[in-house]
Every structure is written in structure tokens, then in C-alpha cells.
N, C-alpha and C. Protein backbone atom coordinates (compact mmCIF):
# COMPACT_ATOMS: atom_id res chain seq x y z
N MET A 1 2.38 -17.05 -8.61
CA MET A 1 3.56 -17.15 -7.52
C MET A 1 3.20 -15.52 -7.24
N LEU A 2 3.40 -14.81 -6.53
CA LEU A 2 3.27 -13.31 -6.37
C LEU A 2 4.63 -12.85 -5.93
N CYS A 3 5.64 -13.47 -5.46
CA CYS A 3 7.19 -12.61 -5.37
C CYS A 3 8.07 -13.97 -7.08
N ALA A 4 9.06 -12.96 -6.62
CA ALA A 4 10.26 -13.67 -8.04
C ALA A 4 11.38 -12.97 -7.55
N THR A 5 12.67 -13.13 -7.90
CA THR A 5 13.87 -12.30 -7.81
C THR A 5 14.00 -11.95 -9.22
N ARG A 6 14.44 -10.45 -8.81
CA ARG A 6 14.67 -9.74 -9.73
C ARG A 6 16.68 -10.27 -10.13
N GLN A 7 16.82 -10.29 -10.94
CA GLN A 7 17.73 -11.35 -11.55
C GLN A 7 19.10 -10.02 -11.78
N SER A 8 18.60 -8.84 -12.00
CA SER A 8 20.41 -7.79 -12.02
C SER A 8 21.05 -7.79 -10.65
N ASP A 9 20.27 -7.86 -9.29
CA ASP A 9 20.41 -7.43 -7.52
C ASP A 9 19.89 -8.90 -6.92
N ALA A 10 19.49 -9.81 -7.66
CA ALA A 10 19.46 -11.03 -6.79
C ALA A 10 18.00 -10.34 -5.31
N VAL A 11 17.14 -9.58 -5.48
CA VAL A 11 16.19 -8.73 -4.17
C VAL A 11 14.59 -9.36 -4.87
N LYS A 12 14.31 -10.00 -3.83
CA LYS A 12 13.01 -10.47 -4.19
C LYS A 12 12.28 -9.01 -4.08
N VAL A 13 10.98 -9.78 -5.13
CA VAL A 13 10.28 -8.30 -5.70
C VAL A 13 9.21 -9.19 -5.44
N THR A 14 7.52 -8.62 -5.07
CA THR A 14 6.69 -8.75 -5.51
C THR A 14 5.84 -8.50 -6.49
N ALA A 15 5.28 -8.64 -7.41
CA ALA A 15 4.46 -8.42 -8.34
C ALA A 15 3.42 -6.80 -8.56
N SER A 16 2.82 -7.04 -7.09
CA SER A 16 2.35 -5.77 -7.00
C SER A 16 2.86 -4.57 -6.86
N GLU A 17 3.82 -4.95 -6.87
CA GLU A 17 5.12 -3.17 -6.04
C GLU A 17 6.45 -3.45 -7.27
N THR A 18 5.96 -4.08 -8.65
CA THR A 18 7.59 -4.17 -9.44
C THR A 18 6.59 -3.76 -11.01
N ILE A 19 7.43 -3.55 -11.57
CA ILE A 19 7.01 -2.87 -13.12
C ILE A 19 7.84 -3.80 -14.08
N LYS A 20 7.27 -4.33 -15.09
CA LYS A 20 7.91 -4.99 -16.18
C LYS A 20 9.48 -4.65 -16.47
N ALA A 21 9.35 -3.57 -16.56
CA ALA A 21 11.03 -2.51 -16.64
C ALA A 21 11.83 -2.93 -16.27
N GLN A 22 11.71 -3.15 -14.33
CA GLN A 22 12.57 -3.77 -13.62
C GLN A 22 13.33 -5.24 -13.48
N GLY A 23 12.70 -6.00 -14.61
CA GLY A 23 13.08 -7.17 -14.88
C GLY A 23 14.68 -6.92 -15.39
N PRO A 24 15.10 -8.44 -16.30
CA PRO A 24 14.30 -9.64 -16.31
C PRO A 24 14.19 -10.22 -14.68
N PHE A 25 13.07 -11.21 -14.37
CA PHE A 25 13.25 -11.95 -12.97
C PHE A 25 13.28 -12.99 -13.55
N VAL A 26 13.45 -13.81 -12.25
CA VAL A 26 13.66 -15.40 -12.23
C VAL A 26 12.72 -15.78 -10.82
N CYS A 27 12.00 -17.18 -11.31
CA CYS A 27 11.70 -17.89 -10.54
C CYS A 27 12.66 -18.30 -8.95
N PRO A 28 12.02 -17.76 -7.80
CA PRO A 28 13.18 -18.37 -6.35
C PRO A 28 13.06 -19.68 -6.94
N GLU A 29 12.32 -20.38 -6.78
CA GLU A 29 12.54 -22.20 -6.53
C GLU A 29 13.42 -22.65 -7.87
N CYS A 30 13.12 -22.78 -9.38
CA CYS A 30 13.92 -23.22 -10.62
C CYS A 30 14.62 -22.60 -10.93
N ALA A 31 15.43 -21.08 -10.51
CA ALA A 31 16.34 -19.75 -11.06
C ALA A 31 15.46 -19.21 -12.87
N LYS A 32 14.52 -20.29 -13.19
CA LYS A 32 14.21 -20.06 -14.83
C LYS A 32 13.30 -18.68 -14.68
N ALA A 33 13.48 -17.96 -16.12
CA ALA A 33 12.68 -16.80 -16.65
C ALA A 33 11.27 -16.70 -15.86
N VAL A 34 10.62 -15.55 -15.50
CA VAL A 34 9.70 -15.53 -15.28
C VAL A 34 9.42 -14.23 -15.89
N ILE A 35 7.97 -13.89 -16.33
CA ILE A 35 7.42 -12.24 -16.36
C ILE A 35 6.38 -11.85 -15.49
N VAL A 36 6.23 -10.62 -15.09
CA VAL A 36 5.07 -9.96 -14.58
C VAL A 36 4.11 -10.09 -15.03
N ARG A 37 2.84 -10.46 -14.40
CA ARG A 37 1.37 -10.01 -15.04
C ARG A 37 0.71 -9.13 -14.85
N LYS A 38 0.45 -7.99 -14.78
CA LYS A 38 -0.57 -6.80 -14.37
C LYS A 38 -1.65 -7.31 -14.65
N CYS A 39 -2.40 -7.42 -13.99
CA CYS A 39 -3.73 -7.99 -14.56
C CYS A 39 -4.88 -6.87 -14.09
N ARG A 40 -5.81 -7.03 -14.89
CA ARG A 40 -7.19 -6.14 -14.42
C ARG A 40 -8.23 -6.98 -13.16
N THR A 41 -8.22 -7.80 -14.08
CA THR A 41 -9.23 -9.05 -13.32
C THR A 41 -8.64 -9.83 -12.24
N LYS A 42 -7.20 -9.97 -12.53
CA LYS A 42 -6.55 -11.30 -11.43
C LYS A 42 -5.65 -10.48 -10.59
N VAL A 43 -5.36 -10.73 -9.56
CA VAL A 43 -4.18 -10.10 -8.74
C VAL A 43 -3.07 -10.34 -9.89
N ASP A 44 -2.34 -9.22 -9.79
CA ASP A 44 -0.59 -9.15 -10.16
C ASP A 44 0.21 -10.44 -10.08
N HIS A 45 0.54 -11.17 -10.69
CA HIS A 45 1.54 -12.43 -10.11
C HIS A 45 2.51 -12.51 -11.38
N PHE A 46 3.37 -13.34 -11.26
CA PHE A 46 4.32 -13.96 -12.20
C PHE A 46 4.40 -15.16 -12.74
N ALA A 47 4.41 -15.53 -13.91
CA ALA A 47 4.61 -16.59 -14.10
C ALA A 47 5.26 -17.33 -15.12
N HIS A 48 5.87 -18.64 -15.22
CA HIS A 48 6.91 -18.58 -15.85
C HIS A 48 6.65 -19.06 -17.27
N LEU A 49 7.42 -18.46 -18.14
CA LEU A 49 7.43 -18.40 -19.34
C LEU A 49 7.78 -20.48 -20.06
N PRO A 50 6.70 -20.85 -20.84
CA PRO A 50 6.72 -22.27 -21.63
C PRO A 50 8.11 -22.66 -22.04
N PRO A 51 8.30 -24.00 -21.87
CA PRO A 51 7.32 -25.15 -21.17
C PRO A 51 7.93 -24.57 -19.72
N VAL A 52 6.46 -25.15 -18.77
CA VAL A 52 6.89 -24.72 -17.42
C VAL A 52 7.22 -26.26 -16.83
N THR A 53 7.80 -26.36 -16.27
CA THR A 53 8.38 -27.76 -15.34
C THR A 53 8.68 -27.59 -14.46
N CYS A 54 8.86 -25.92 -13.93
CA CYS A 54 8.60 -25.85 -12.30
C CYS A 54 7.12 -26.22 -11.24
N GLN A 55 7.03 -26.42 -10.03
CA GLN A 55 6.16 -26.50 -9.39
C GLN A 55 6.06 -25.49 -8.59
N TYR A 56 6.80 -24.42 -8.72
CA TYR A 56 6.69 -23.12 -7.61
C TYR A 56 4.97 -22.55 -7.88
N GLY A 57 4.03 -22.37 -7.15
CA GLY A 57 2.88 -21.88 -7.33
C GLY A 57 1.37 -22.30 -8.22
N ALA A 58 2.39 -23.61 -8.64
CA ALA A 58 0.96 -24.39 -9.23
C ALA A 58 -0.02 -24.42 -8.36
N GLY A 59 -0.86 -24.74 -8.78
CA GLY A 59 -2.15 -25.32 -8.41
C GLY A 59 -2.86 -24.21 -7.56
N GLU A 60 -2.30 -23.16 -7.49
CA GLU A 60 -3.07 -21.98 -6.98
C GLU A 60 -3.99 -21.31 -7.36
N THR A 61 -5.06 -21.73 -6.73
CA THR A 61 -6.22 -20.50 -7.52
C THR A 61 -5.99 -19.13 -7.41
N GLU A 62 -6.86 -18.00 -8.49
CA GLU A 62 -7.35 -16.89 -7.80
C GLU A 62 -7.31 -16.41 -7.07
N GLN A 63 -8.70 -17.23 -6.18
CA GLN A 63 -9.06 -17.22 -5.17
C GLN A 63 -7.90 -17.15 -3.92
N HIS A 64 -7.36 -18.22 -4.23
CA HIS A 64 -5.81 -18.24 -2.94
C HIS A 64 -5.02 -17.33 -2.99
N ARG A 65 -4.62 -17.03 -4.60
CA ARG A 65 -3.93 -15.81 -4.70
C ARG A 65 -4.70 -14.00 -3.69
N GLN A 66 -5.88 -14.03 -4.22
CA GLN A 66 -6.60 -12.98 -3.60
C GLN A 66 -6.18 -13.13 -2.15
N CYS A 67 -6.72 -14.49 -1.64
CA CYS A 67 -6.96 -14.65 -0.03
C CYS A 67 -5.42 -13.74 0.49
N LYS A 68 -4.55 -14.58 -0.09
CA LYS A 68 -3.20 -14.06 0.37
C LYS A 68 -2.63 -12.69 0.39
N THR A 69 -2.89 -12.46 -0.43
CA THR A 69 -2.90 -10.40 -0.95
C THR A 69 -3.37 -9.96 0.14
N GLN A 70 -4.40 -9.93 0.34
CA GLN A 70 -5.74 -9.42 1.41
C GLN A 70 -4.81 -9.83 2.94
N ILE A 71 -4.81 -10.56 3.13
CA ILE A 71 -4.15 -11.21 4.48
C ILE A 71 -2.82 -10.11 4.56
N PHE A 72 -2.05 -10.45 3.50
CA PHE A 72 -0.47 -9.54 3.21
C PHE A 72 -0.88 -8.11 3.98
N GLU A 73 -1.67 -7.78 2.96
CA GLU A 73 -1.95 -6.12 3.07
C GLU A 73 -2.35 -5.95 4.18
N ALA A 74 -3.52 -6.78 4.82
CA ALA A 74 -3.78 -6.37 6.69
C ALA A 74 -2.72 -6.49 7.45
N LEU A 75 -2.05 -7.24 7.24
CA LEU A 75 -0.64 -7.71 8.28
C LEU A 75 0.23 -6.58 8.04
N ARG A 76 0.17 -5.69 6.99
CA ARG A 76 1.41 -4.60 6.80
C ARG A 76 0.91 -3.48 7.27
N ALA A 77 -0.59 -3.16 7.67
CA ALA A 77 -0.98 -1.95 8.70
C ALA A 77 -0.80 -2.42 9.57
N CYS A 78 -0.74 -3.70 10.21
CA CYS A 78 -0.28 -3.45 11.84
C CYS A 78 0.74 -3.11 12.18
N PRO A 79 1.46 -2.34 13.04
CA PRO A 79 2.41 -1.42 13.37
C PRO A 79 3.29 -2.82 14.57
N HIS A 80 2.66 -4.13 15.42
CA HIS A 80 3.25 -4.85 16.04
C HIS A 80 3.56 -6.16 14.85
N VAL A 81 3.39 -5.78 13.80
CA VAL A 81 3.67 -7.15 12.76
C VAL A 81 5.24 -6.84 12.28
N THR A 82 6.37 -7.49 12.20
CA THR A 82 7.38 -7.33 11.66
C THR A 82 7.80 -8.40 10.70
N LYS A 83 9.18 -8.12 9.82
CA LYS A 83 9.24 -9.35 9.05
C LYS A 83 8.80 -10.45 8.53
N LEU A 84 7.39 -9.06 8.02
CA LEU A 84 6.97 -9.68 6.93
C LEU A 84 6.68 -10.05 5.82
N GLU A 85 6.79 -11.25 4.88
CA GLU A 85 7.06 -11.55 3.73
C GLU A 85 5.95 -12.70 3.22
N LEU A 86 5.90 -12.26 1.91
CA LEU A 86 5.06 -13.10 1.35
C LEU A 86 6.00 -14.26 0.27
N GLU A 87 5.90 -16.15 0.51
CA GLU A 87 6.32 -16.65 0.27
C GLU A 87 8.33 -17.38 0.49
N ARG A 88 8.32 -16.41 1.67
CA ARG A 88 9.30 -16.99 2.07
C ARG A 88 10.34 -18.45 2.51
N ARG A 89 11.15 -19.09 2.19
CA ARG A 89 11.54 -20.21 2.05
C ARG A 89 12.15 -20.13 3.73
N LEU A 90 11.26 -21.09 4.29
CA LEU A 90 11.48 -21.52 5.83
C LEU A 90 11.86 -23.21 5.80
N GLY A 91 13.68 -23.55 5.31
CA GLY A 91 13.69 -24.83 5.50
C GLY A 91 13.35 -25.68 4.02
N ASP A 92 12.64 -26.58 4.46
CA ASP A 92 11.99 -27.44 3.35
C ASP A 92 10.68 -26.77 2.77
N VAL A 93 10.00 -25.95 3.77
CA VAL A 93 8.89 -25.75 3.71
C VAL A 93 8.41 -23.96 3.33
N ARG A 94 7.30 -23.43 2.13
CA ARG A 94 7.94 -22.31 1.93
C ARG A 94 5.89 -21.64 2.01
N PRO A 95 5.49 -21.18 3.45
CA PRO A 95 4.01 -20.68 3.96
C PRO A 95 4.33 -19.22 3.11
N ASP A 96 2.75 -19.41 2.60
CA ASP A 96 2.31 -17.91 1.97
C ASP A 96 2.08 -16.67 2.68
N ILE A 97 2.35 -16.62 3.58
CA ILE A 97 2.79 -15.61 4.69
C ILE A 97 3.74 -15.97 5.84
N SER A 98 5.18 -15.45 6.08
CA SER A 98 5.32 -15.80 7.01
C SER A 98 6.16 -14.09 7.81
N CYS A 99 6.11 -14.12 9.46
CA CYS A 99 6.18 -12.92 9.54
C CYS A 99 6.52 -12.72 11.33
N TYR A 100 6.20 -11.47 12.16
CA TYR A 100 6.55 -11.98 13.85
C TYR A 100 5.19 -10.88 13.88
N ILE A 101 4.64 -11.52 14.98
CA ILE A 101 3.79 -10.83 15.84
C ILE A 101 3.87 -10.23 17.30
N GLY A 102 3.73 -9.16 17.12
CA GLY A 102 5.16 -9.15 18.79
C GLY A 102 6.26 -9.87 18.22
N ARG A 103 6.43 -10.74 19.29
CA ARG A 103 7.97 -11.67 19.34
C ARG A 103 8.00 -13.00 18.80
N VAL A 104 6.53 -13.06 18.22
CA VAL A 104 6.18 -14.60 18.06
C VAL A 104 6.08 -14.89 16.55
N PRO A 105 6.90 -15.65 16.05
CA PRO A 105 6.96 -16.08 14.56
C PRO A 105 5.59 -17.08 14.34
N VAL A 106 5.07 -16.07 12.98
CA VAL A 106 4.27 -17.17 12.56
C VAL A 106 3.83 -17.32 11.25
N ALA A 107 3.30 -18.75 11.10
CA ALA A 107 3.47 -18.58 9.44
C ALA A 107 2.29 -19.00 8.71
N ILE A 108 1.78 -18.67 8.08
CA ILE A 108 0.32 -18.62 7.05
C ILE A 108 0.31 -19.70 6.41
N GLU A 109 -0.31 -20.73 5.86
CA GLU A 109 -0.16 -21.33 5.09
C GLU A 109 -2.10 -21.67 4.42
């Protein structure tokens, strides 16, 4: 998973824009502890501590995380994109990326 919740203030943070010292962090789905993984060969991400019973982020390949990150960064550079967020909960679904392009709501999965 690319996002987690900072336990101290319940703010959603992305792994690429945070450091371990800003933790502890919890999973936005199950509220159990996660750690930030800063990687040289993989996209920065959060990982559950064992034993893992939560399915949040399960099954995402490194290629999927890289694609998500690249789309997010490209959209962030566009001036007409607002409310851009990774892994935002929208009712019963959680698209990889959500935003408004102009006035049009967009969800990318």
C-alpha cells in the first residue's frame, strides 16, 4: 500500500513523502500497525507487521505500484487537476487514484 494513517494525528500520508520518524503508522483499512519501507529497487510503500490478516494492498505487484505512482505524479503536475488522492475510500470502493479533472470526478483503478 502506498498510503497509511499517521497514528498521532490521523492524517493520511504517502510512503514517498514521509519518513519512519514521523510514525507510528496504521493501516487505513484494519487500523493495525504498518511500517514505511524506503526502497532502492521498489516504490516506497507501507507494509503490515506479521502476522498479516488484512487484504489492503494484497496482490499488488511492484509493476502495479510503479504505474500508480507514475500516474499520480503526472496528474499532480497538471494545474487543472484538483482533490488528487491515492487510495481514497469512496463508499465500498477504493480506487488507486481519484481526483477532479476540471469539474469532472475521475477514479482510476
